[in-house]
Amino acid sequence: ISQERQQQSLNDTPLGSPLYPTKALSKPGASSVLYLGYGSNLSAETFRGKRNIKPLSQVNVVVPSLSLTFDLPGVPYSEPCFGNVRLRDTSAIEQSYEDWRNQDYHKDHWKKGLVGVVYEVTAEDFAHIIATEGGGSGYRDVLVDCYALNGEPTEDVPWKPAGQMFKAHTLFAPSNAAAARPDPSYAQPSPRYLKLITDGAAEHGLPLEYQAFLHQIRTYHATTTKQQLGSFIFLTVWSPFFLFIFSGAAIFLREDGTYPKWLATFIRAIFTAVWASYDDFFKSTFGDGERTIGDEEDDEEHDPHDIFSEKEPLIEAVKQPQYGSVEVVERLV
């Protein structure tokens, strides 16, 4: 992304609600949209493949004001949650490295700023991104301050980044939304979804330190026959609605990539009903559809200096010669 385009971004404005991607080009001289990807959009399989987005340019960044979270509700038993962002706890900035090590080592372990990729895309492609992210039914657009990383994966992510700041659009689901779960840290992503993120992080050469964090996040697995039966019944009951939302609803998309207000409201109502049925019946009858049974007990008994059980897959997963020595990862654990 050129220095000139980064400078222009300081005059950009959020798209507002409802989302209208064409507003991103309303400022004089703007010819593209800078979009921050942090979840499955890191993966070429998703971003360039399924979504057919063709970035004009891109850069790896750290966003000090945001943290990665997995508090966006998905589908119980199969895709319990998806990636989202929230405002970062600024008190974490002053933590020492040793204090940081002793924090929970799963989804909430990372205390530095969000690491992601800013893509420069056309307004048309940005409209398509919004369309493939639910047509604006659950997201808001915000502008966030970004700092380019130097592109060297073996260097740590800075606690306080320096250099030229620029702004980028990103989509997030507010934590106070109607469909938000009671405990935003409880659900675990599916192996499929987390793999998209870890693969994308490797493809872009994001810092090994951050890749190590991603690889130690535990994923959801149905470990009992009751859970597997519950998953089958749950998907049988709700699959017609999911089929409409993920396929049929596309016929109602407007040119700017958003759904009409009535349809966005309907989709939100469906997911509210989905999770109500899980909370009121399926969870108590068939078992947990958000978190692998046994992981909660493991967390309570966890010694922060002893993660041997996860060290071997962590190192094996991120060991890539083109990114230098794996000692960077070993130091983290």
Protein backbone atom coordinates (compact mmCIF):
# COMPACT_ATOMS: atom_id res chain seq x y z
CA ILE A 1 0.00 0.00 0.00
CA SER A 2 1.56 3.27 -1.10
CA GLN A 3 2.47 6.02 1.36
CA GLU A 4 0.15 8.33 -0.57
CA ARG A 5 -2.84 6.00 -0.08
CA GLN A 6 -1.99 5.59 3.59
CA GLN A 7 -1.96 9.37 3.97
CA GLN A 8 -5.33 9.65 2.20
CA SER A 9 -6.82 7.17 4.65
CA LEU A 10 -6.57 9.76 7.44
CA ASN A 11 -9.51 11.54 5.77
CA ASP A 12 -11.68 8.44 5.42
CA THR A 13 -14.95 8.12 7.34
CA PRO A 14 -16.87 5.07 8.62
CA LEU A 15 -19.63 3.80 6.36
CA GLY A 16 -22.33 4.30 8.94
CA SER A 17 -25.39 2.15 9.51
CA PRO A 18 -26.75 0.75 7.31
CA LEU A 19 -23.48 0.01 5.54
CA TYR A 20 -22.97 1.69 2.18
CA PRO A 21 -19.57 0.79 0.68
CA THR A 22 -19.81 3.58 -1.88
CA LYS A 23 -19.38 6.06 0.99
CA ALA A 24 -15.82 4.84 1.33
CA LEU A 25 -15.06 6.66 -1.92
CA SER A 26 -16.80 9.89 -0.98
CA LYS A 27 -13.60 11.74 -0.06
CA PRO A 28 -11.76 13.62 -2.82
CA GLY A 29 -8.85 11.64 -4.18
CA ALA A 30 -9.93 8.32 -2.72
CA SER A 31 -9.83 5.54 -5.29
CA SER A 32 -9.98 2.41 -3.14
CA VAL A 33 -10.88 1.06 0.29
CA LEU A 34 -8.39 -0.09 2.92
CA TYR A 35 -9.89 -3.13 4.66
CA LEU A 36 -8.45 -4.86 7.73
CA GLY A 37 -8.73 -8.65 7.69
CA TYR A 38 -8.05 -10.60 10.87
CA GLY A 39 -10.05 -13.87 10.81
CA SER A 40 -10.76 -16.26 7.96
CA ASN A 41 -10.07 -13.41 5.52
CA LEU A 42 -6.38 -13.96 6.21
CA SER A 43 -6.68 -17.17 4.21
CA ALA A 44 -6.24 -17.05 0.45
CA GLU A 45 -8.63 -20.00 0.22
CA THR A 46 -11.39 -17.82 1.65
CA PHE A 47 -10.49 -14.29 0.60
CA ARG A 48 -9.18 -14.82 -2.91
CA GLY A 49 -10.87 -18.16 -3.53
CA LYS A 50 -14.42 -18.40 -2.20
CA ARG A 51 -14.94 -14.63 -2.04
CA ASN A 52 -13.03 -13.90 -5.24
CA ILE A 53 -11.48 -10.70 -3.87
CA LYS A 54 -8.49 -9.38 -5.79
CA PRO A 55 -6.51 -6.98 -3.58
CA LEU A 56 -4.70 -4.12 -5.28
CA SER A 57 -2.03 -4.24 -2.55
CA GLN A 58 -1.65 -5.35 1.06
CA VAL A 59 0.48 -4.94 4.18
CA ASN A 60 0.81 -6.75 7.52
CA VAL A 61 -0.17 -4.54 10.44
CA VAL A 62 -0.68 -4.32 14.19
CA VAL A 63 -3.73 -2.49 15.57
CA PRO A 64 -3.05 -1.34 19.15
CA SER A 65 -6.67 -0.46 19.93
CA LEU A 66 -8.13 -3.91 19.16
CA SER A 67 -7.86 -7.51 20.34
CA LEU A 68 -8.90 -10.72 18.59
CA THR A 69 -11.81 -12.56 20.17
CA PHE A 70 -14.02 -15.49 19.27
CA ASP A 71 -17.30 -14.19 20.66
CA LEU A 72 -19.36 -14.08 17.47
CA PRO A 73 -21.98 -16.87 17.79
CA GLY A 74 -22.06 -19.41 14.98
CA VAL A 75 -23.82 -22.78 14.93
CA PRO A 76 -23.70 -25.01 18.05
CA TYR A 77 -21.97 -28.39 17.67
CA SER A 78 -20.39 -27.56 14.30
CA GLU A 79 -19.17 -23.93 14.14
CA PRO A 80 -19.63 -22.64 17.71
CA CYS A 81 -18.06 -19.24 17.15
CA PHE A 82 -16.28 -17.01 14.66
CA GLY A 83 -13.60 -14.37 14.90
CA ASN A 84 -14.44 -10.85 16.00
CA VAL A 85 -12.63 -7.88 17.53
CA ARG A 86 -13.13 -5.88 20.69
CA LEU A 87 -11.47 -2.86 22.25
CA ARG A 88 -8.18 -3.84 23.79
CA ASP A 89 -7.65 -3.57 27.53
CA THR A 90 -5.24 -0.64 27.69
CA SER A 91 -3.95 -1.75 31.09
CA ALA A 92 -2.28 -4.66 29.28
CA ILE A 93 0.10 -2.22 27.62
CA GLU A 94 2.00 -1.75 30.88
CA GLN A 95 2.24 -5.45 31.74
CA SER A 96 5.69 -6.96 31.98
CA TYR A 97 6.56 -9.94 29.81
CA GLU A 98 6.50 -12.33 32.80
CA ASP A 99 3.06 -11.10 33.90
CA TRP A 100 1.84 -11.56 30.34
CA ARG A 101 3.11 -15.16 30.24
CA ASN A 102 1.05 -16.04 33.30
CA GLN A 103 -2.26 -15.07 31.75
CA ASP A 104 -4.72 -17.63 30.40
CA TYR A 105 -2.93 -19.29 27.50
CA HIS A 106 -5.84 -19.95 25.21
CA LYS A 107 -7.99 -17.40 23.36
CA ASP A 108 -7.32 -14.59 25.88
CA HIS A 109 -3.58 -15.13 26.19
CA TRP A 110 -2.61 -12.51 23.61
CA LYS A 111 -2.34 -9.08 25.27
CA LYS A 112 -0.65 -7.12 22.50
CA GLY A 113 -2.54 -5.38 19.73
CA LEU A 114 -4.43 -7.21 17.00
CA VAL A 115 -2.25 -8.54 14.17
CA GLY A 116 -3.78 -8.72 10.72
CA VAL A 117 -3.51 -7.70 7.09
CA VAL A 118 -4.78 -4.50 5.51
CA TYR A 119 -5.93 -5.08 1.95
CA GLU A 120 -6.41 -2.29 -0.55
CA VAL A 121 -9.52 -3.24 -2.53
CA THR A 122 -11.94 -1.62 -4.93
CA ALA A 123 -15.31 -0.34 -3.69
CA GLU A 124 -16.99 -3.14 -5.63
CA ASP A 125 -14.87 -5.77 -3.88
CA PHE A 126 -15.56 -4.14 -0.51
CA ALA A 127 -19.29 -4.39 -1.22
CA HIS A 128 -18.74 -8.08 -1.95
CA ILE A 129 -16.85 -8.50 1.33
CA ILE A 130 -19.83 -7.05 3.20
CA ALA A 131 -22.18 -9.33 1.26
CA THR A 132 -20.17 -12.43 2.21
CA GLU A 133 -19.98 -11.31 5.85
CA GLY A 134 -23.73 -11.48 6.34
CA GLY A 135 -24.88 -8.55 4.24
CA GLY A 136 -24.32 -6.12 7.09
CA SER A 137 -26.92 -7.85 9.26
CA GLY A 138 -24.63 -8.29 12.25
CA TYR A 139 -21.65 -6.02 11.68
CA ARG A 140 -20.70 -2.39 12.03
CA ASP A 141 -17.98 -0.66 10.08
CA VAL A 142 -15.30 1.18 12.03
CA LEU A 143 -12.07 2.93 11.15
CA VAL A 144 -9.06 1.84 13.21
CA ASP A 145 -5.48 3.07 13.51
CA CYS A 146 -2.99 0.66 11.92
CA TYR A 147 0.81 0.43 11.96
CA ALA A 148 2.69 -1.49 9.29
CA LEU A 149 4.91 -4.34 10.46
CA ASN A 150 8.37 -4.67 8.97
CA GLY A 151 7.61 -8.02 7.34
CA GLU A 152 10.17 -10.02 9.35
CA PRO A 153 8.29 -12.93 11.00
CA THR A 154 11.04 -13.67 13.55
CA GLU A 155 10.70 -10.24 15.18
CA ASP A 156 8.28 -9.80 18.06
CA VAL A 157 5.13 -7.74 17.73
CA PRO A 158 5.78 -4.36 19.41
CA TRP A 159 3.82 -3.46 22.52
CA LYS A 160 3.81 0.18 21.40
CA PRO A 161 4.23 0.37 17.62
CA ALA A 162 6.01 3.31 16.05
CA GLY A 163 6.07 4.70 12.55
CA GLN A 164 3.44 6.20 10.29
CA MET A 165 -0.13 5.51 11.38
CA PHE A 166 -2.89 5.06 8.82
CA LYS A 167 -6.56 4.10 8.99
CA ALA A 168 -8.44 1.08 7.67
CA HIS A 169 -12.04 -0.10 7.68
CA THR A 170 -12.93 -3.25 9.53
CA LEU A 171 -16.16 -5.03 10.42
CA PHE A 172 -17.05 -6.03 13.97
CA ALA A 173 -20.08 -7.32 15.82
CA PRO A 174 -20.78 -5.34 19.03
CA SER A 175 -20.53 -7.36 22.24
CA ASN A 176 -23.90 -6.00 23.38
CA ALA A 177 -25.73 -7.35 20.32
CA ALA A 178 -28.89 -9.36 20.93
CA ALA A 179 -27.23 -12.62 19.88
CA ALA A 180 -24.13 -12.15 22.06
CA ARG A 181 -23.28 -15.05 24.36
CA PRO A 182 -23.14 -14.58 28.16
CA ASP A 183 -19.42 -15.41 28.37
CA PRO A 184 -17.49 -14.09 25.34
CA SER A 185 -14.47 -16.27 26.18
CA TYR A 186 -16.32 -19.57 26.56
CA ALA A 187 -16.87 -20.90 23.03
CA GLN A 188 -14.11 -22.57 21.02
CA PRO A 189 -13.74 -22.26 17.24
CA SER A 190 -14.04 -25.32 15.03
CA PRO A 191 -10.84 -26.95 13.74
CA ARG A 192 -11.88 -25.98 10.20
CA TYR A 193 -12.29 -22.30 11.06
CA LEU A 194 -9.13 -21.98 13.13
CA LYS A 195 -7.13 -23.68 10.37
CA LEU A 196 -8.21 -20.96 7.94
CA ILE A 197 -6.77 -18.37 10.32
CA THR A 198 -3.52 -20.22 11.02
CA ASP A 199 -3.02 -21.03 7.34
CA GLY A 200 -3.62 -17.38 6.46
CA ALA A 201 -1.18 -16.19 9.11
CA ALA A 202 1.48 -18.48 7.65
CA GLU A 203 0.73 -17.42 4.07
CA HIS A 204 1.21 -13.76 4.97
CA GLY A 205 4.28 -14.37 7.11
CA LEU A 206 2.74 -12.82 10.21
CA PRO A 207 5.08 -12.74 13.23
CA LEU A 208 5.91 -16.22 14.54
CA GLU A 209 5.05 -14.97 18.00
CA TYR A 210 1.46 -14.36 16.87
CA GLN A 211 1.31 -17.61 14.91
CA ALA A 212 2.32 -19.45 18.10
CA PHE A 213 -0.59 -17.83 19.93
CA LEU A 214 -3.02 -18.91 17.22
CA HIS A 215 -1.76 -22.50 17.24
CA GLN A 216 -2.28 -22.95 20.99
CA ILE A 217 -5.97 -22.02 20.84
CA ARG A 218 -8.03 -25.10 21.57
CA THR A 219 -10.78 -26.08 19.15
CA TYR A 220 -14.22 -27.58 19.71
CA HIS A 221 -14.70 -31.34 19.43
CA ALA A 222 -17.81 -33.40 20.16
CA THR A 223 -16.40 -36.12 22.42
CA THR A 224 -19.54 -38.04 23.42
CA THR A 225 -22.20 -40.00 21.55
CA LYS A 226 -24.87 -37.71 23.00
CA GLN A 227 -23.15 -34.65 21.55
CA GLN A 228 -22.88 -36.29 18.14
CA LEU A 229 -26.56 -37.25 18.25
CA GLY A 230 -27.46 -33.75 19.38
CA SER A 231 -25.46 -32.28 16.52
CA PHE A 232 -27.30 -34.45 14.00
CA ILE A 233 -30.75 -33.54 15.36
CA PHE A 234 -29.83 -29.86 15.73
CA LEU A 235 -28.65 -29.54 12.14
CA THR A 236 -31.63 -31.53 10.86
CA VAL A 237 -34.03 -29.12 12.56
CA TRP A 238 -32.27 -25.91 11.57
CA SER A 239 -30.62 -26.78 8.23
CA PRO A 240 -33.50 -25.45 6.08
CA PHE A 241 -33.06 -22.04 7.70
CA PHE A 242 -29.28 -22.17 7.36
CA LEU A 243 -29.65 -23.12 3.70
CA PHE A 244 -31.80 -20.05 3.13
CA ILE A 245 -29.47 -17.72 5.04
CA PHE A 246 -26.23 -18.92 3.43
CA SER A 247 -27.59 -19.49 -0.09
CA GLY A 248 -31.10 -18.28 -0.81
CA ALA A 249 -30.80 -14.89 0.88
CA ALA A 250 -28.22 -13.82 -1.72
CA ILE A 251 -31.00 -13.05 -4.20
CA PHE A 252 -32.06 -10.15 -1.97
CA LEU A 253 -28.64 -8.51 -1.80
CA ARG A 254 -28.52 -4.89 -2.91
CA GLU A 255 -25.78 -3.40 -5.07
CA ASP A 256 -23.86 -2.21 -2.02
CA GLY A 257 -23.67 -5.75 -0.65
CA THR A 258 -26.20 -5.29 2.16
CA TYR A 259 -29.55 -6.94 2.85
CA PRO A 260 -32.83 -5.02 3.09
CA LYS A 261 -33.64 -4.06 6.67
CA TRP A 262 -36.50 -6.58 6.93
CA LEU A 263 -34.24 -9.45 5.86
CA ALA A 264 -31.41 -8.43 8.19
CA THR A 265 -33.92 -8.37 11.05
CA PHE A 266 -35.24 -11.79 10.02
CA ILE A 267 -31.74 -13.31 9.94
CA ARG A 268 -30.95 -11.94 13.39
CA ALA A 269 -34.23 -13.39 14.67
CA ILE A 270 -33.36 -16.81 13.24
CA PHE A 271 -30.01 -16.91 15.00
CA THR A 272 -31.60 -15.72 18.23
CA ALA A 273 -34.03 -18.65 17.97
CA VAL A 274 -31.19 -21.05 17.09
CA TRP A 275 -29.29 -20.21 20.25
CA ALA A 276 -32.42 -20.11 22.40
CA SER A 277 -33.20 -23.70 21.35
CA TYR A 278 -29.65 -24.70 22.22
CA ASP A 279 -29.67 -22.99 25.62
CA ASP A 280 -33.15 -24.15 26.63
CA PHE A 281 -33.08 -27.74 25.34
CA PHE A 282 -30.12 -29.09 23.39
CA LYS A 283 -27.32 -28.21 25.82
CA SER A 284 -28.99 -29.82 28.85
CA THR A 285 -30.17 -32.82 26.82
CA PHE A 286 -27.22 -33.62 24.56
CA GLY A 287 -24.27 -31.80 26.08
CA ASP A 288 -22.05 -28.81 25.36
CA GLY A 289 -22.04 -27.54 21.78
CA GLU A 290 -19.59 -24.68 22.34
CA ARG A 291 -16.66 -26.07 24.31
CA THR A 292 -14.94 -29.45 24.35
CA ILE A 293 -15.95 -31.38 27.45
CA GLY A 294 -13.02 -31.47 29.87
CA ASP A 295 -11.27 -28.30 28.69
CA GLU A 296 -12.83 -26.15 31.40
CA GLU A 297 -11.46 -28.45 34.11
CA ASP A 298 -8.06 -28.43 32.42
CA ASP A 299 -8.01 -24.62 32.54
CA GLU A 300 -8.78 -24.56 36.26
CA GLU A 301 -5.92 -26.96 37.03
CA HIS A 302 -3.47 -25.41 34.57
CA ASP A 303 0.03 -24.47 35.64
CA PRO A 304 1.03 -21.50 33.43
CA HIS A 305 4.64 -22.73 33.35
CA ASP A 306 3.69 -26.25 32.23
CA ILE A 307 2.12 -26.52 28.79
CA PHE A 308 4.03 -29.58 27.64
CA SER A 309 0.82 -31.20 26.47
CA GLU A 310 0.41 -28.52 23.82
CA LYS A 311 4.03 -27.71 23.10
CA GLU A 312 4.71 -30.46 20.56
CA PRO A 313 1.79 -29.70 18.19
CA LEU A 314 2.45 -25.99 18.61
CA ILE A 315 6.04 -26.24 17.41
CA GLU A 316 5.28 -28.77 14.69
CA ALA A 317 2.47 -26.66 13.26
CA VAL A 318 4.45 -23.43 12.85
CA LYS A 319 7.86 -24.85 11.96
CA GLN A 320 8.47 -23.28 8.57
CA PRO A 321 12.05 -22.78 7.32
CA GLN A 322 11.22 -19.64 5.35
CA TYR A 323 10.34 -17.87 8.59
CA GLY A 324 13.59 -18.60 10.41
CA SER A 325 14.33 -20.42 13.64
CA VAL A 326 11.57 -22.04 15.64
CA GLU A 327 13.36 -20.80 18.79
CA VAL A 328 11.12 -17.75 18.60
CA VAL A 329 8.17 -20.04 19.22
CA GLU A 330 9.95 -22.09 21.89
CA ARG A 331 10.74 -18.92 23.81
CA LEU A 332 7.03 -18.16 23.99
CA VAL A 333 6.28 -21.43 25.79
